[in-house]
């Protein structure tokens, strides 16, 4: 079952991305608890943006990425730093957009339905503290516009921490 936020059905992608930022900024301004904040931001992303089967966060703990708040099916609990899209974003400290995860060397398949992925690192004081991970069952789902908006969102989130 997919839950969508009402009123977004007739918006184009750019409008949906702006709406994600608007709703998320409201959460960021009013919520101080990181778990509550990241939970609601992942729900906003999954509820507004179409064709996602997973949206959530992993946080760096003890040399690995540990599952944080998310929306979607159960996910890999821990990701190592040496393989996968999330690990690449963590190591390189920059977003990674993959049009076809099956063509990505070392891809970690937490959900076999995922076909494309966008990962944006959360960088605070020059160090990656986590990543925002989005998966889609659609090939080539993520655009440069999606990436720009989600980088902006992550930057605002990190400022709050």
N, C-alpha and C. Protein backbone atom coordinates (compact mmCIF):
# COMPACT_ATOMS: atom_id res chain seq x y z
N UNK A 1 0.84 -1.18 0.00
CA UNK A 1 0.00 0.00 0.00
C UNK A 1 0.89 1.24 0.00
N UNK A 2 0.59 2.18 -0.87
CA UNK A 2 1.34 3.42 -0.94
C UNK A 2 0.49 4.55 -0.39
N UNK A 3 1.03 5.28 0.55
CA UNK A 3 0.33 6.42 1.13
C UNK A 3 0.89 7.67 0.49
N UNK A 4 0.01 8.51 -0.02
CA UNK A 4 0.41 9.75 -0.66
C UNK A 4 -0.17 10.93 0.10
N UNK A 5 0.53 12.03 0.09
CA UNK A 5 0.04 13.27 0.68
C UNK A 5 -0.95 13.88 -0.29
N UNK A 6 -2.13 14.21 0.21
CA UNK A 6 -3.20 14.74 -0.63
C UNK A 6 -2.81 16.05 -1.30
N UNK A 7 -3.27 16.24 -2.52
CA UNK A 7 -3.09 17.49 -3.24
C UNK A 7 -1.89 17.53 -4.15
N UNK A 8 -1.10 16.47 -4.23
CA UNK A 8 0.10 16.51 -5.06
C UNK A 8 -0.11 15.83 -6.42
N UNK A 9 -1.26 15.20 -6.60
CA UNK A 9 -1.49 14.41 -7.81
C UNK A 9 -1.32 15.22 -9.09
N UNK A 10 -1.72 16.47 -9.08
CA UNK A 10 -1.69 17.29 -10.30
C UNK A 10 -0.47 18.19 -10.40
N UNK A 11 0.47 18.05 -9.49
CA UNK A 11 1.69 18.85 -9.53
C UNK A 11 2.70 18.21 -10.47
N UNK A 12 3.51 19.06 -11.12
CA UNK A 12 4.63 18.52 -11.90
C UNK A 12 5.79 18.24 -10.95
N UNK A 13 6.85 17.64 -11.47
CA UNK A 13 7.97 17.24 -10.61
C UNK A 13 8.59 18.42 -9.88
N UNK A 14 8.78 19.54 -10.57
CA UNK A 14 9.38 20.71 -9.93
C UNK A 14 8.50 21.20 -8.77
N UNK A 15 7.20 21.22 -8.97
CA UNK A 15 6.29 21.64 -7.91
C UNK A 15 6.34 20.68 -6.73
N UNK A 16 6.41 19.39 -7.01
CA UNK A 16 6.50 18.40 -5.94
C UNK A 16 7.78 18.57 -5.14
N UNK A 17 8.89 18.81 -5.82
CA UNK A 17 10.16 19.02 -5.13
C UNK A 17 10.10 20.26 -4.23
N UNK A 18 9.51 21.34 -4.74
CA UNK A 18 9.36 22.55 -3.93
C UNK A 18 8.48 22.28 -2.72
N UNK A 19 7.45 21.46 -2.91
CA UNK A 19 6.54 21.12 -1.82
C UNK A 19 7.26 20.28 -0.76
N UNK A 20 8.11 19.35 -1.20
CA UNK A 20 8.92 18.58 -0.26
C UNK A 20 9.77 19.53 0.58
N UNK A 21 10.41 20.49 -0.06
CA UNK A 21 11.23 21.46 0.68
C UNK A 21 10.38 22.27 1.66
N UNK A 22 9.23 22.74 1.20
CA UNK A 22 8.35 23.55 2.04
C UNK A 22 7.90 22.77 3.28
N UNK A 23 7.38 21.57 3.07
CA UNK A 23 6.91 20.76 4.20
C UNK A 23 8.06 20.39 5.13
N UNK A 24 9.20 20.06 4.56
CA UNK A 24 10.36 19.67 5.38
C UNK A 24 10.88 20.85 6.18
N UNK A 25 10.91 22.03 5.58
CA UNK A 25 11.36 23.21 6.31
C UNK A 25 10.47 23.47 7.51
N UNK A 26 9.17 23.25 7.36
CA UNK A 26 8.25 23.39 8.49
C UNK A 26 8.61 22.44 9.62
N UNK A 27 8.95 21.21 9.28
CA UNK A 27 9.37 20.24 10.30
C UNK A 27 10.69 20.66 10.94
N UNK A 28 11.63 21.10 10.12
CA UNK A 28 12.95 21.48 10.60
C UNK A 28 12.86 22.66 11.57
N UNK A 29 11.96 23.60 11.27
CA UNK A 29 11.80 24.79 12.12
C UNK A 29 11.14 24.48 13.45
N UNK A 30 10.32 23.41 13.50
CA UNK A 30 9.52 23.18 14.70
C UNK A 30 9.92 21.96 15.51
N UNK A 31 10.80 21.11 14.99
CA UNK A 31 11.14 19.87 15.69
C UNK A 31 12.63 19.83 16.04
N UNK A 32 12.92 19.56 17.31
CA UNK A 32 14.31 19.48 17.75
C UNK A 32 14.82 18.05 17.91
N UNK A 33 13.92 17.08 18.02
CA UNK A 33 14.35 15.70 18.19
C UNK A 33 14.75 15.12 16.84
N UNK A 34 16.00 14.66 16.69
CA UNK A 34 16.46 14.16 15.39
C UNK A 34 15.66 12.97 14.86
N UNK A 35 15.28 12.04 15.73
CA UNK A 35 14.54 10.87 15.25
C UNK A 35 13.18 11.29 14.70
N UNK A 36 12.49 12.13 15.43
CA UNK A 36 11.19 12.62 14.96
C UNK A 36 11.34 13.40 13.66
N UNK A 37 12.35 14.25 13.60
CA UNK A 37 12.58 15.07 12.42
C UNK A 37 12.88 14.22 11.19
N UNK A 38 13.84 13.31 11.30
CA UNK A 38 14.21 12.48 10.15
C UNK A 38 13.09 11.53 9.77
N UNK A 39 12.29 11.10 10.74
CA UNK A 39 11.14 10.25 10.44
C UNK A 39 10.13 11.00 9.58
N UNK A 40 9.80 12.21 9.98
CA UNK A 40 8.82 12.97 9.22
C UNK A 40 9.35 13.41 7.86
N UNK A 41 10.62 13.75 7.77
CA UNK A 41 11.18 14.13 6.47
C UNK A 41 11.15 12.94 5.51
N UNK A 42 11.48 11.75 5.98
CA UNK A 42 11.41 10.59 5.09
C UNK A 42 9.97 10.32 4.68
N UNK A 43 9.01 10.54 5.58
CA UNK A 43 7.59 10.37 5.23
C UNK A 43 7.13 11.40 4.21
N UNK A 44 7.61 12.62 4.35
CA UNK A 44 7.26 13.67 3.38
C UNK A 44 7.79 13.30 2.00
N UNK A 45 9.05 12.92 1.93
CA UNK A 45 9.64 12.56 0.64
C UNK A 45 8.86 11.42 -0.01
N UNK A 46 8.63 10.36 0.75
CA UNK A 46 7.94 9.18 0.21
C UNK A 46 6.48 9.50 -0.14
N UNK A 47 5.86 10.38 0.63
CA UNK A 47 4.47 10.73 0.40
C UNK A 47 4.23 11.68 -0.76
N UNK A 48 5.22 12.48 -1.10
CA UNK A 48 5.05 13.49 -2.16
C UNK A 48 5.66 13.03 -3.48
N UNK A 49 6.86 12.51 -3.45
CA UNK A 49 7.54 12.16 -4.71
C UNK A 49 7.03 10.82 -5.24
N UNK A 50 6.72 10.75 -6.51
CA UNK A 50 6.18 9.52 -7.09
C UNK A 50 7.27 8.48 -7.38
N UNK A 51 6.83 7.26 -7.53
CA UNK A 51 7.68 6.16 -7.98
C UNK A 51 8.87 5.89 -7.07
N UNK A 52 8.64 5.97 -5.77
CA UNK A 52 9.66 5.58 -4.80
C UNK A 52 9.17 4.34 -4.07
N UNK A 53 10.05 3.39 -3.86
CA UNK A 53 9.69 2.26 -3.02
C UNK A 53 10.41 2.32 -1.66
N UNK A 54 11.32 3.29 -1.50
CA UNK A 54 12.01 3.44 -0.22
C UNK A 54 12.60 4.83 -0.13
N UNK A 55 12.47 5.44 1.03
CA UNK A 55 13.08 6.75 1.31
C UNK A 55 13.48 6.77 2.78
N UNK A 56 14.76 7.00 3.03
CA UNK A 56 15.17 7.02 4.42
C UNK A 56 16.62 7.38 4.62
N UNK A 57 17.05 7.21 5.84
CA UNK A 57 18.37 7.64 6.26
C UNK A 57 19.17 6.49 6.86
N UNK A 58 20.47 6.56 6.63
CA UNK A 58 21.45 5.73 7.33
C UNK A 58 22.41 6.69 8.00
N UNK A 59 22.89 6.31 9.21
CA UNK A 59 23.82 7.16 9.94
C UNK A 59 25.13 6.42 10.21
N UNK A 60 26.23 7.15 10.13
CA UNK A 60 27.55 6.58 10.37
C UNK A 60 27.69 6.29 11.86
N UNK A 61 27.97 5.01 12.15
CA UNK A 61 28.21 4.58 13.53
C UNK A 61 29.23 3.46 13.50
N UNK A 62 30.33 3.65 14.19
CA UNK A 62 31.33 2.61 14.31
C UNK A 62 31.87 2.09 12.98
N UNK A 63 32.08 2.95 12.03
CA UNK A 63 32.67 2.54 10.76
C UNK A 63 31.72 1.88 9.78
N UNK A 64 30.41 2.00 10.01
CA UNK A 64 29.42 1.48 9.07
C UNK A 64 28.21 2.40 9.06
N UNK A 65 27.36 2.18 8.08
CA UNK A 65 26.10 2.93 8.00
C UNK A 65 25.01 2.10 8.66
N UNK A 66 24.33 2.71 9.64
CA UNK A 66 23.30 2.01 10.39
C UNK A 66 21.95 2.63 10.05
N UNK A 67 20.97 1.77 9.81
CA UNK A 67 19.63 2.19 9.43
C UNK A 67 19.04 3.18 10.42
N UNK A 68 18.46 4.24 9.86
CA UNK A 68 17.75 5.24 10.64
C UNK A 68 16.29 5.29 10.20
N UNK A 69 15.61 6.40 10.47
CA UNK A 69 14.21 6.54 10.08
C UNK A 69 14.03 6.38 8.57
N UNK A 70 12.94 5.68 8.19
CA UNK A 70 12.68 5.44 6.77
C UNK A 70 11.22 5.16 6.53
N UNK A 71 10.85 5.16 5.26
CA UNK A 71 9.53 4.76 4.79
C UNK A 71 9.73 3.72 3.70
N UNK A 72 9.06 2.59 3.81
CA UNK A 72 9.18 1.53 2.82
C UNK A 72 9.27 0.19 3.51
N UNK A 73 9.60 -0.83 2.72
CA UNK A 73 9.75 -2.17 3.27
C UNK A 73 10.98 -2.24 4.17
N UNK A 74 11.05 -3.26 5.04
CA UNK A 74 12.25 -3.42 5.87
C UNK A 74 13.51 -3.37 5.00
N UNK A 75 14.56 -2.81 5.58
CA UNK A 75 15.78 -2.54 4.82
C UNK A 75 16.98 -3.22 5.45
N UNK A 76 18.09 -3.17 4.74
CA UNK A 76 19.36 -3.63 5.30
C UNK A 76 19.63 -2.79 6.54
N UNK A 77 19.97 -3.45 7.63
CA UNK A 77 20.18 -2.74 8.89
C UNK A 77 21.53 -2.04 8.95
N UNK A 78 22.55 -2.70 8.39
CA UNK A 78 23.90 -2.15 8.42
C UNK A 78 24.54 -2.30 7.05
N UNK A 79 25.20 -1.23 6.61
CA UNK A 79 25.90 -1.24 5.33
C UNK A 79 27.38 -0.95 5.58
N UNK A 80 28.22 -1.74 4.97
CA UNK A 80 29.66 -1.56 5.10
C UNK A 80 30.12 -0.42 4.19
N UNK A 81 31.26 0.13 4.47
CA UNK A 81 31.77 1.27 3.73
C UNK A 81 32.47 0.93 2.43
N UNK A 82 32.52 -0.34 2.06
CA UNK A 82 33.31 -0.71 0.89
C UNK A 82 32.49 -1.13 -0.33
N UNK A 83 31.15 -1.20 -0.22
CA UNK A 83 30.36 -1.55 -1.41
C UNK A 83 28.97 -0.95 -1.32
N UNK A 84 28.42 -0.71 -2.51
CA UNK A 84 27.07 -0.17 -2.58
C UNK A 84 27.05 1.33 -2.87
N UNK A 85 25.88 1.79 -3.24
CA UNK A 85 25.67 3.20 -3.60
C UNK A 85 25.80 4.09 -2.37
N UNK A 86 25.21 3.67 -1.26
CA UNK A 86 25.32 4.48 -0.04
C UNK A 86 26.77 4.63 0.39
N UNK A 87 27.53 3.56 0.32
CA UNK A 87 28.94 3.61 0.71
C UNK A 87 29.73 4.54 -0.20
N UNK A 88 29.42 4.53 -1.48
CA UNK A 88 30.13 5.42 -2.42
C UNK A 88 29.86 6.88 -2.06
N UNK A 89 28.61 7.23 -1.79
CA UNK A 89 28.28 8.60 -1.40
C UNK A 89 28.98 8.97 -0.10
N UNK A 90 29.08 8.03 0.81
CA UNK A 90 29.76 8.24 2.08
C UNK A 90 31.25 8.48 1.85
N UNK A 91 31.88 7.61 1.09
CA UNK A 91 33.33 7.73 0.84
C UNK A 91 33.67 8.99 0.06
N UNK A 92 32.88 9.29 -0.99
CA UNK A 92 33.19 10.41 -1.88
C UNK A 92 32.68 11.76 -1.37
N UNK A 93 31.82 11.73 -0.36
CA UNK A 93 31.22 12.95 0.22
C UNK A 93 30.48 13.76 -0.83
N UNK A 94 29.81 13.05 -1.76
CA UNK A 94 29.00 13.72 -2.77
C UNK A 94 27.86 12.81 -3.20
N UNK A 95 26.80 13.41 -3.75
CA UNK A 95 25.64 12.61 -4.16
C UNK A 95 26.00 11.60 -5.24
N UNK A 96 25.28 10.49 -5.23
CA UNK A 96 25.44 9.46 -6.24
C UNK A 96 24.05 9.14 -6.79
N UNK A 97 23.91 9.32 -8.10
CA UNK A 97 22.65 9.03 -8.78
C UNK A 97 22.91 7.87 -9.74
N UNK A 98 22.17 6.78 -9.55
CA UNK A 98 22.37 5.57 -10.34
C UNK A 98 21.09 5.27 -11.12
N UNK A 99 21.21 5.28 -12.45
CA UNK A 99 20.04 5.04 -13.30
C UNK A 99 19.62 3.59 -13.33
N UNK A 100 20.57 2.67 -13.18
CA UNK A 100 20.29 1.23 -13.21
C UNK A 100 21.18 0.56 -12.17
N UNK A 101 20.60 0.21 -11.03
CA UNK A 101 21.41 -0.34 -9.95
C UNK A 101 22.04 -1.68 -10.31
N UNK A 102 21.44 -2.42 -11.23
CA UNK A 102 22.01 -3.70 -11.64
C UNK A 102 23.34 -3.52 -12.37
N UNK A 103 23.56 -2.32 -12.91
CA UNK A 103 24.82 -2.03 -13.62
C UNK A 103 25.86 -1.40 -12.70
N UNK A 104 25.50 -1.17 -11.43
CA UNK A 104 26.42 -0.55 -10.47
C UNK A 104 27.24 -1.64 -9.79
N UNK A 105 28.56 -1.64 -9.96
CA UNK A 105 29.40 -2.68 -9.36
C UNK A 105 29.27 -2.67 -7.83
N UNK A 106 28.97 -3.83 -7.26
CA UNK A 106 28.88 -3.96 -5.81
C UNK A 106 27.59 -3.46 -5.21
N UNK A 107 26.58 -3.23 -6.04
CA UNK A 107 25.29 -2.76 -5.51
C UNK A 107 24.77 -3.70 -4.44
N UNK A 108 24.29 -3.12 -3.34
CA UNK A 108 23.69 -3.89 -2.26
C UNK A 108 22.18 -3.85 -2.44
N UNK A 109 21.59 -4.99 -2.73
CA UNK A 109 20.15 -5.05 -3.01
C UNK A 109 19.38 -5.36 -1.74
N UNK A 110 18.91 -4.32 -1.06
CA UNK A 110 18.08 -4.52 0.12
C UNK A 110 16.66 -4.88 -0.31
N UNK A 111 16.23 -4.38 -1.47
CA UNK A 111 14.92 -4.67 -2.05
C UNK A 111 15.13 -4.98 -3.52
N UNK A 112 14.82 -6.19 -3.92
CA UNK A 112 15.05 -6.59 -5.31
C UNK A 112 14.19 -5.81 -6.30
N UNK A 113 13.18 -5.10 -5.82
CA UNK A 113 12.34 -4.28 -6.71
C UNK A 113 13.02 -2.98 -7.12
N UNK A 114 14.05 -2.57 -6.40
CA UNK A 114 14.71 -1.30 -6.70
C UNK A 114 15.49 -1.39 -8.01
N UNK A 115 15.30 -0.38 -8.86
CA UNK A 115 15.97 -0.33 -10.16
C UNK A 115 16.88 0.88 -10.30
N UNK A 116 16.57 1.97 -9.58
CA UNK A 116 17.43 3.16 -9.61
C UNK A 116 17.51 3.73 -8.20
N UNK A 117 18.54 4.56 -7.99
CA UNK A 117 18.81 5.02 -6.63
C UNK A 117 19.46 6.39 -6.64
N UNK A 118 19.15 7.17 -5.62
CA UNK A 118 19.80 8.46 -5.39
C UNK A 118 20.20 8.51 -3.93
N UNK A 119 21.47 8.77 -3.68
CA UNK A 119 21.98 8.87 -2.30
C UNK A 119 22.67 10.22 -2.14
N UNK A 120 22.29 10.94 -1.09
CA UNK A 120 22.86 12.25 -0.78
C UNK A 120 23.50 12.19 0.60
N UNK A 121 24.80 12.47 0.70
CA UNK A 121 25.45 12.42 2.01
C UNK A 121 25.08 13.62 2.88
N UNK A 122 25.02 13.38 4.18
CA UNK A 122 24.82 14.43 5.16
C UNK A 122 26.21 14.79 5.68
N UNK A 123 26.71 15.94 5.28
CA UNK A 123 28.08 16.34 5.63
C UNK A 123 28.02 17.47 6.65
N UNK A 124 28.62 17.22 7.82
CA UNK A 124 28.68 18.24 8.88
C UNK A 124 30.14 18.42 9.27
N UNK A 125 30.59 19.65 9.22
CA UNK A 125 31.98 19.98 9.57
C UNK A 125 32.97 19.12 8.79
N UNK A 126 32.67 18.91 7.50
CA UNK A 126 33.58 18.19 6.62
C UNK A 126 33.52 16.68 6.72
N UNK A 127 32.69 16.14 7.62
CA UNK A 127 32.58 14.69 7.80
C UNK A 127 31.17 14.22 7.46
N UNK A 128 31.08 13.08 6.82
CA UNK A 128 29.77 12.50 6.52
C UNK A 128 29.24 11.85 7.80
N UNK A 129 28.05 12.28 8.20
CA UNK A 129 27.41 11.72 9.40
C UNK A 129 26.29 10.75 9.05
N UNK A 130 25.92 10.73 7.77
CA UNK A 130 24.86 9.84 7.33
C UNK A 130 24.56 10.07 5.87
N UNK A 131 23.54 9.39 5.38
CA UNK A 131 23.11 9.57 4.00
C UNK A 131 21.59 9.52 3.93
N UNK A 132 21.05 10.25 2.97
CA UNK A 132 19.65 10.12 2.56
C UNK A 132 19.66 9.18 1.37
N UNK A 133 18.85 8.13 1.43
CA UNK A 133 18.82 7.10 0.39
C UNK A 133 17.41 7.00 -0.17
N UNK A 134 17.30 7.13 -1.48
CA UNK A 134 16.01 6.97 -2.17
C UNK A 134 16.14 5.87 -3.20
N UNK A 135 15.17 4.97 -3.22
CA UNK A 135 15.13 3.87 -4.18
C UNK A 135 13.84 3.95 -4.98
N UNK A 136 13.93 3.53 -6.24
CA UNK A 136 12.76 3.51 -7.11
C UNK A 136 12.70 2.19 -7.88
N UNK A 137 11.48 1.70 -8.12
CA UNK A 137 11.33 0.51 -8.96
C UNK A 137 11.38 0.84 -10.45
N UNK A 138 11.68 2.09 -10.78
CA UNK A 138 11.71 2.58 -12.16
C UNK A 138 13.16 2.89 -12.55
N UNK A 139 13.60 2.40 -13.70
CA UNK A 139 14.92 2.76 -14.22
C UNK A 139 14.96 4.26 -14.51
N UNK A 140 16.10 4.88 -14.32
CA UNK A 140 16.30 6.31 -14.65
C UNK A 140 15.30 7.22 -13.94
N UNK A 141 14.91 6.92 -12.72
CA UNK A 141 13.88 7.68 -12.02
C UNK A 141 14.37 9.07 -11.59
N UNK A 142 15.64 9.19 -11.24
CA UNK A 142 16.10 10.42 -10.59
C UNK A 142 16.79 11.35 -11.57
N UNK A 143 16.41 12.62 -11.51
CA UNK A 143 16.94 13.64 -12.42
C UNK A 143 17.94 14.53 -11.67
N UNK A 144 18.61 15.38 -12.43
CA UNK A 144 19.49 16.39 -11.82
C UNK A 144 18.68 17.31 -10.92
N UNK A 145 17.46 17.61 -11.35
CA UNK A 145 16.58 18.47 -10.56
C UNK A 145 16.25 17.82 -9.21
N UNK A 146 15.98 16.51 -9.21
CA UNK A 146 15.74 15.79 -7.96
C UNK A 146 16.98 15.90 -7.06
N UNK A 147 18.12 15.65 -7.64
CA UNK A 147 19.37 15.68 -6.88
C UNK A 147 19.60 17.06 -6.27
N UNK A 148 19.44 18.12 -7.06
CA UNK A 148 19.66 19.49 -6.54
C UNK A 148 18.74 19.78 -5.36
N UNK A 149 17.47 19.44 -5.50
CA UNK A 149 16.50 19.71 -4.44
C UNK A 149 16.84 18.94 -3.17
N UNK A 150 17.19 17.67 -3.32
CA UNK A 150 17.47 16.86 -2.15
C UNK A 150 18.80 17.22 -1.49
N UNK A 151 19.74 17.71 -2.26
CA UNK A 151 20.97 18.25 -1.68
C UNK A 151 20.62 19.48 -0.84
N UNK A 152 19.78 20.35 -1.36
CA UNK A 152 19.35 21.53 -0.61
C UNK A 152 18.65 21.12 0.68
N UNK A 153 17.78 20.14 0.61
CA UNK A 153 17.07 19.66 1.79
C UNK A 153 18.05 19.11 2.83
N UNK A 154 18.97 18.28 2.39
CA UNK A 154 19.96 17.69 3.30
C UNK A 154 20.82 18.79 3.95
N UNK A 155 21.20 19.79 3.17
CA UNK A 155 21.99 20.89 3.73
C UNK A 155 21.24 21.60 4.85
N UNK A 156 19.94 21.81 4.65
CA UNK A 156 19.10 22.46 5.67
C UNK A 156 18.98 21.57 6.91
N UNK A 157 18.80 20.27 6.69
CA UNK A 157 18.72 19.33 7.81
C UNK A 157 19.99 19.34 8.63
N UNK A 158 21.13 19.29 7.95
CA UNK A 158 22.41 19.24 8.65
C UNK A 158 22.65 20.51 9.46
N UNK A 159 22.22 21.66 8.94
CA UNK A 159 22.35 22.92 9.69
C UNK A 159 21.62 22.84 11.02
N UNK A 160 20.51 22.11 11.05
CA UNK A 160 19.69 22.00 12.24
C UNK A 160 20.37 21.16 13.33
N UNK A 161 21.20 20.21 12.90
CA UNK A 161 21.83 19.29 13.87
C UNK A 161 22.90 19.98 14.72
